[in-house]
Amino acid sequence: MANIPGNTEWVAALIPELEARKNQFVVDTDEVDDELIEVFIEELVRLSGELQQGREENDMEMVRMAAHSIKGMGGTIGLPEISVLGLEIENTAKEDRLGDADPLISGLAEWIKTLG
């Protein structure tokens, strides 16, 4: 089994009831290998950039779509916390509350830097 990247404890500080909410995104991770983790990180970097650009341009659809993709990726790689984060950001875009997503988007960007 591959080594899942990063410490996601920071997500709990940003999202209420994370522990209960992440169960819907838990996927059996026995098939995760180093190559899949590498692709995950590359895609997460790209999507984080889209989140930041969408936030800067107040483009709800760009933020929503990037967050939706992140939501689907986290559980698959063994990081359901990241899926919940994606869901939260997606909901802020759907509800026209992008300002509420700022700490989530910033937290994700900072976390990605630690993945090296």
Protein backbone atom coordinates (compact mmCIF):
# COMPACT_ATOMS: atom_id res chain seq x y z
CA MET A 1 0.00 0.00 0.00
CA ALA A 2 1.22 3.46 -0.84
CA ASN A 3 1.97 6.17 1.67
CA ILE A 4 -0.94 8.64 1.63
CA PRO A 5 0.47 12.19 1.62
CA GLY A 6 0.10 14.94 4.13
CA ASN A 7 -1.45 15.59 7.49
CA THR A 8 -5.07 16.66 7.17
CA GLU A 9 -5.74 17.61 10.79
CA TRP A 10 -6.00 21.28 9.71
CA VAL A 11 -9.26 20.48 7.89
CA ALA A 12 -11.01 19.71 11.21
CA ALA A 13 -10.34 23.27 12.39
CA LEU A 14 -12.15 24.65 9.33
CA ILE A 15 -15.08 22.27 8.96
CA PRO A 16 -17.56 21.55 11.75
CA GLU A 17 -18.41 17.90 12.36
CA LEU A 18 -15.71 16.72 9.95
CA GLU A 19 -15.39 13.31 11.55
CA ALA A 20 -19.05 12.43 11.01
CA ARG A 21 -19.19 13.96 7.55
CA LYS A 22 -16.14 12.28 6.05
CA ASN A 23 -17.57 8.74 6.32
CA GLN A 24 -19.53 9.19 3.10
CA PHE A 25 -16.25 9.62 1.22
CA VAL A 26 -14.27 6.70 2.66
CA VAL A 27 -13.10 4.32 -0.07
CA ASP A 28 -11.05 1.15 0.27
CA THR A 29 -7.50 2.35 -0.43
CA ASP A 30 -5.77 -1.01 -0.91
CA GLU A 31 -5.30 -0.25 -4.60
CA VAL A 32 -3.64 3.16 -4.13
CA ASP A 33 -0.07 3.14 -5.39
CA ASP A 34 2.67 5.74 -5.62
CA GLU A 35 1.80 6.60 -9.23
CA LEU A 36 -1.83 7.32 -8.31
CA ILE A 37 -0.68 9.53 -5.44
CA GLU A 38 1.57 11.46 -7.82
CA VAL A 39 -1.33 12.02 -10.23
CA PHE A 40 -3.55 13.04 -7.30
CA ILE A 41 -1.06 15.68 -6.16
CA GLU A 42 -0.59 17.03 -9.70
CA GLU A 43 -4.34 17.28 -10.21
CA LEU A 44 -4.84 18.84 -6.78
CA VAL A 45 -2.26 21.52 -7.60
CA ARG A 46 -4.07 22.29 -10.86
CA LEU A 47 -7.50 22.39 -9.22
CA SER A 48 -6.25 24.54 -6.35
CA GLY A 49 -5.05 27.04 -8.93
CA GLU A 50 -8.51 27.01 -10.51
CA LEU A 51 -10.08 27.60 -7.08
CA GLN A 52 -7.83 30.58 -6.48
CA GLN A 53 -8.39 32.00 -9.96
CA GLY A 54 -12.15 31.49 -9.70
CA ARG A 55 -12.19 33.20 -6.31
CA GLU A 56 -10.16 36.15 -7.62
CA GLU A 57 -12.47 36.52 -10.63
CA ASN A 58 -15.63 35.83 -8.58
CA ASP A 59 -16.37 32.99 -11.02
CA MET A 60 -18.77 30.76 -9.10
CA GLU A 61 -18.87 28.11 -11.81
CA MET A 62 -15.08 27.74 -11.98
CA VAL A 63 -14.91 27.37 -8.21
CA ARG A 64 -17.83 24.95 -8.14
CA MET A 65 -16.40 22.70 -10.83
CA ALA A 66 -12.89 22.61 -9.33
CA ALA A 67 -14.31 21.91 -5.87
CA HIS A 68 -16.55 19.18 -7.25
CA SER A 69 -13.51 17.45 -8.75
CA ILE A 70 -11.63 17.73 -5.46
CA LYS A 71 -14.64 16.27 -3.67
CA GLY A 72 -14.43 13.17 -5.86
CA MET A 73 -10.69 12.71 -5.53
CA GLY A 74 -10.10 12.78 -1.77
CA GLY A 75 -11.86 9.60 -0.77
CA THR A 76 -10.42 7.69 -3.70
CA ILE A 77 -6.89 8.43 -2.54
CA GLY A 78 -7.69 7.75 1.13
CA LEU A 79 -8.19 11.35 2.26
CA PRO A 80 -11.93 11.74 2.85
CA GLU A 81 -11.21 15.00 4.70
CA ILE A 82 -10.21 16.53 1.37
CA SER A 83 -13.51 15.36 -0.13
CA VAL A 84 -15.45 17.09 2.64
CA LEU A 85 -13.36 20.22 2.05
CA GLY A 86 -14.23 20.05 -1.66
CA LEU A 87 -17.92 19.67 -0.78
CA GLU A 88 -17.81 22.70 1.51
CA ILE A 89 -16.16 24.86 -1.16
CA GLU A 90 -18.61 23.59 -3.78
CA ASN A 91 -21.55 24.51 -1.55
CA THR A 92 -20.25 28.03 -0.97
CA ALA A 93 -20.10 28.54 -4.74
CA LYS A 94 -23.60 27.10 -5.26
CA GLU A 95 -24.95 29.38 -2.53
CA ASP A 96 -23.09 32.48 -3.81
CA ARG A 97 -21.02 32.71 -0.60
CA LEU A 98 -17.51 32.58 -2.03
CA GLY A 99 -16.16 34.79 0.74
CA ASP A 100 -16.86 31.93 3.15
CA ALA A 101 -14.60 29.70 1.06
CA ASP A 102 -11.51 31.89 1.48
CA PRO A 103 -10.07 30.07 4.54
CA LEU A 104 -10.82 26.70 2.94
CA ILE A 105 -9.15 27.61 -0.36
CA SER A 106 -6.16 29.14 1.46
CA GLY A 107 -5.85 26.15 3.77
CA LEU A 108 -5.82 23.77 0.82
CA ALA A 109 -3.16 25.81 -0.97
CA GLU A 110 -0.96 25.85 2.13
CA TRP A 111 -1.39 22.11 2.66
CA ILE A 112 -0.47 21.37 -0.95
CA LYS A 113 2.88 23.14 -0.37
CA THR A 114 3.70 20.52 2.29
CA LEU A 115 3.21 17.62 -0.12
CA GLY A 116 6.43 18.42 -1.98
